[in-house]
């Protein structure tokens, strides 16, 4: 029962936090500096999650094949490849390296 109460409390708090911004600012636009910070916070958080997931706690679970596969994605995106192509290439590179290593 405590688990469900905790889930409900977190959901209510999340809803309140998300509703607070539009209710407070209404029809006003945010300053450009605040908009840029908000726009860049999601990619920064995603990068942090990826680093923690790939390197593992204390770097004990370091997998060089996964790092090589992840390195393919920005390279292909820089060369203007579509995102699905870059992701499939990353999986293929990781799988190929795991077979050979």
C-alpha atoms as a PDB file:
ATOM      1  CA  UNK A   1       0.000   0.000   0.000  1.00  0.00           C
ATOM      2  CA  UNK A   2       2.867   2.363   0.785  1.00  0.00           C
ATOM      3  CA  UNK A   3       4.291   1.871  -2.692  1.00  0.00           C
ATOM      4  CA  UNK A   4       1.033   2.933  -4.353  1.00  0.00           C
ATOM      5  CA  UNK A   5       0.723   5.959  -2.092  1.00  0.00           C
ATOM      6  CA  UNK A   6       4.272   6.950  -2.993  1.00  0.00           C
ATOM      7  CA  UNK A   7       3.549   6.548  -6.708  1.00  0.00           C
ATOM      8  CA  UNK A   8       0.398   8.646  -6.380  1.00  0.00           C
ATOM      9  CA  UNK A   9       2.249  11.338  -4.433  1.00  0.00           C
ATOM     10  CA  UNK A  10       5.052  11.497  -7.015  1.00  0.00           C
ATOM     11  CA  UNK A  11       2.494  11.677  -9.845  1.00  0.00           C
ATOM     12  CA  UNK A  12       0.595  14.485  -8.102  1.00  0.00           C
ATOM     13  CA  UNK A  13       3.810  16.388  -7.402  1.00  0.00           C
ATOM     14  CA  UNK A  14       4.939  15.961 -11.004  1.00  0.00           C
ATOM     15  CA  UNK A  15       1.586  17.230 -12.283  1.00  0.00           C
ATOM     16  CA  UNK A  16       1.728  20.208  -9.915  1.00  0.00           C
ATOM     17  CA  UNK A  17       5.254  21.123 -11.015  1.00  0.00           C
ATOM     18  CA  UNK A  18       4.326  20.897 -14.685  1.00  0.00           C
ATOM     19  CA  UNK A  19       1.163  22.953 -14.186  1.00  0.00           C
ATOM     20  CA  UNK A  20       2.948  25.595 -12.106  1.00  0.00           C
ATOM     21  CA  UNK A  21       4.919  27.064 -15.025  1.00  0.00           C
ATOM     22  CA  UNK A  22       2.019  27.783 -17.402  1.00  0.00           C
ATOM     23  CA  UNK A  23      -0.165  28.978 -14.540  1.00  0.00           C
ATOM     24  CA  UNK A  24       2.509  31.351 -13.300  1.00  0.00           C
ATOM     25  CA  UNK A  25       3.759  32.718 -16.619  1.00  0.00           C
ATOM     26  CA  UNK A  26       0.467  32.605 -18.537  1.00  0.00           C
ATOM     27  CA  UNK A  27       0.816  34.087 -22.016  1.00  0.00           C
ATOM     28  CA  UNK A  28       4.250  35.608 -21.409  1.00  0.00           C
ATOM     29  CA  UNK A  29       7.261  34.331 -23.293  1.00  0.00           C
ATOM     30  CA  UNK A  30      10.429  33.350 -21.509  1.00  0.00           C
ATOM     31  CA  UNK A  31      13.640  35.299 -22.072  1.00  0.00           C
ATOM     32  CA  UNK A  32      15.878  33.854 -24.790  1.00  0.00           C
ATOM     33  CA  UNK A  33      18.485  32.792 -22.212  1.00  0.00           C
ATOM     34  CA  UNK A  34      15.912  30.743 -20.279  1.00  0.00           C
ATOM     35  CA  UNK A  35      14.597  29.187 -23.485  1.00  0.00           C
ATOM     36  CA  UNK A  36      18.105  28.097 -24.492  1.00  0.00           C
ATOM     37  CA  UNK A  37      18.744  26.558 -21.069  1.00  0.00           C
ATOM     38  CA  UNK A  38      15.464  24.637 -21.220  1.00  0.00           C
ATOM     39  CA  UNK A  39      16.156  23.487 -24.780  1.00  0.00           C
ATOM     40  CA  UNK A  40      19.623  22.183 -23.874  1.00  0.00           C
ATOM     41  CA  UNK A  41      18.725  20.496 -20.584  1.00  0.00           C
ATOM     42  CA  UNK A  42      17.166  17.391 -22.198  1.00  0.00           C
ATOM     43  CA  UNK A  43      20.204  16.531 -24.378  1.00  0.00           C
ATOM     44  CA  UNK A  44      22.522  17.116 -21.420  1.00  0.00           C
ATOM     45  CA  UNK A  45      20.498  14.784 -19.206  1.00  0.00           C
ATOM     46  CA  UNK A  46      20.348  12.164 -21.945  1.00  0.00           C
ATOM     47  CA  UNK A  47      24.123  12.334 -22.404  1.00  0.00           C
ATOM     48  CA  UNK A  48      24.594  11.896 -18.669  1.00  0.00           C
ATOM     49  CA  UNK A  49      22.310   8.863 -18.602  1.00  0.00           C
ATOM     50  CA  UNK A  50      24.178   7.314 -21.525  1.00  0.00           C
ATOM     51  CA  UNK A  51      27.575   7.851 -19.896  1.00  0.00           C
ATOM     52  CA  UNK A  52      26.412   6.295 -16.642  1.00  0.00           C
ATOM     53  CA  UNK A  53      24.777   3.365 -18.452  1.00  0.00           C
ATOM     54  CA  UNK A  54      27.790   2.679 -20.691  1.00  0.00           C
ATOM     55  CA  UNK A  55      30.583   3.136 -18.179  1.00  0.00           C
ATOM     56  CA  UNK A  56      28.761   1.564 -15.265  1.00  0.00           C
ATOM     57  CA  UNK A  57      29.401   2.164 -11.599  1.00  0.00           C
ATOM     58  CA  UNK A  58      33.075   2.813 -11.024  1.00  0.00           C
ATOM     59  CA  UNK A  59      33.810   1.938 -14.660  1.00  0.00           C
ATOM     60  CA  UNK A  60      33.875  -1.738 -13.692  1.00  0.00           C
ATOM     61  CA  UNK A  61      31.447  -2.669 -16.458  1.00  0.00           C
ATOM     62  CA  UNK A  62      33.297  -0.812 -19.216  1.00  0.00           C
ATOM     63  CA  UNK A  63      32.447  -2.330 -22.598  1.00  0.00           C
ATOM     64  CA  UNK A  64      34.732  -1.053 -25.388  1.00  0.00           C
ATOM     65  CA  UNK A  65      32.519  -2.551 -28.092  1.00  0.00           C
ATOM     66  CA  UNK A  66      29.582  -0.452 -26.923  1.00  0.00           C
ATOM     67  CA  UNK A  67      31.736   2.672 -26.828  1.00  0.00           C
ATOM     68  CA  UNK A  68      32.863   2.008 -30.405  1.00  0.00           C
ATOM     69  CA  UNK A  69      29.247   1.540 -31.473  1.00  0.00           C
ATOM     70  CA  UNK A  70      28.235   4.782 -29.775  1.00  0.00           C
ATOM     71  CA  UNK A  71      31.097   6.605 -31.488  1.00  0.00           C
ATOM     72  CA  UNK A  72      29.606   5.712 -34.869  1.00  0.00           C
ATOM     73  CA  UNK A  73      26.383   7.659 -34.213  1.00  0.00           C
ATOM     74  CA  UNK A  74      27.795  11.217 -34.018  1.00  0.00           C
ATOM     75  CA  UNK A  75      30.136  10.473 -36.899  1.00  0.00           C
ATOM     76  CA  UNK A  76      27.280   9.416 -39.181  1.00  0.00           C
ATOM     77  CA  UNK A  77      25.030  12.248 -38.002  1.00  0.00           C
ATOM     78  CA  UNK A  78      27.838  14.679 -38.770  1.00  0.00           C
ATOM     79  CA  UNK A  79      27.961  13.207 -42.293  1.00  0.00           C
ATOM     80  CA  UNK A  80      24.180  13.920 -42.573  1.00  0.00           C
ATOM     81  CA  UNK A  81      22.989  10.310 -42.318  1.00  0.00           C
ATOM     82  CA  UNK A  82      19.413   9.831 -41.111  1.00  0.00           C
ATOM     83  CA  UNK A  83      19.043   8.918 -37.440  1.00  0.00           C
ATOM     84  CA  UNK A  84      17.650   5.397 -38.050  1.00  0.00           C
ATOM     85  CA  UNK A  85      20.607   4.637 -40.326  1.00  0.00           C
ATOM     86  CA  UNK A  86      23.048   5.865 -37.674  1.00  0.00           C
ATOM     87  CA  UNK A  87      21.381   3.758 -34.977  1.00  0.00           C
ATOM     88  CA  UNK A  88      21.369   0.613 -37.114  1.00  0.00           C
ATOM     89  CA  UNK A  89      25.037   1.210 -37.978  1.00  0.00           C
ATOM     90  CA  UNK A  90      25.880   1.579 -34.284  1.00  0.00           C
ATOM     91  CA  UNK A  91      24.173  -1.715 -33.496  1.00  0.00           C
ATOM     92  CA  UNK A  92      25.946  -3.394 -36.410  1.00  0.00           C
ATOM     93  CA  UNK A  93      29.376  -2.103 -35.350  1.00  0.00           C
ATOM     94  CA  UNK A  94      28.802  -3.195 -31.761  1.00  0.00           C
ATOM     95  CA  UNK A  95      27.605  -6.642 -32.822  1.00  0.00           C
ATOM     96  CA  UNK A  96      30.500  -7.110 -35.257  1.00  0.00           C
ATOM     97  CA  UNK A  97      33.055  -6.139 -32.650  1.00  0.00           C
ATOM     98  CA  UNK A  98      31.490  -8.483 -30.103  1.00  0.00           C
ATOM     99  CA  UNK A  99      31.729 -11.361 -32.577  1.00  0.00           C
ATOM    100  CA  UNK A 100      35.392 -10.649 -33.358  1.00  0.00           C
ATOM    101  CA  UNK A 101      36.553  -9.742 -29.847  1.00  0.00           C
END
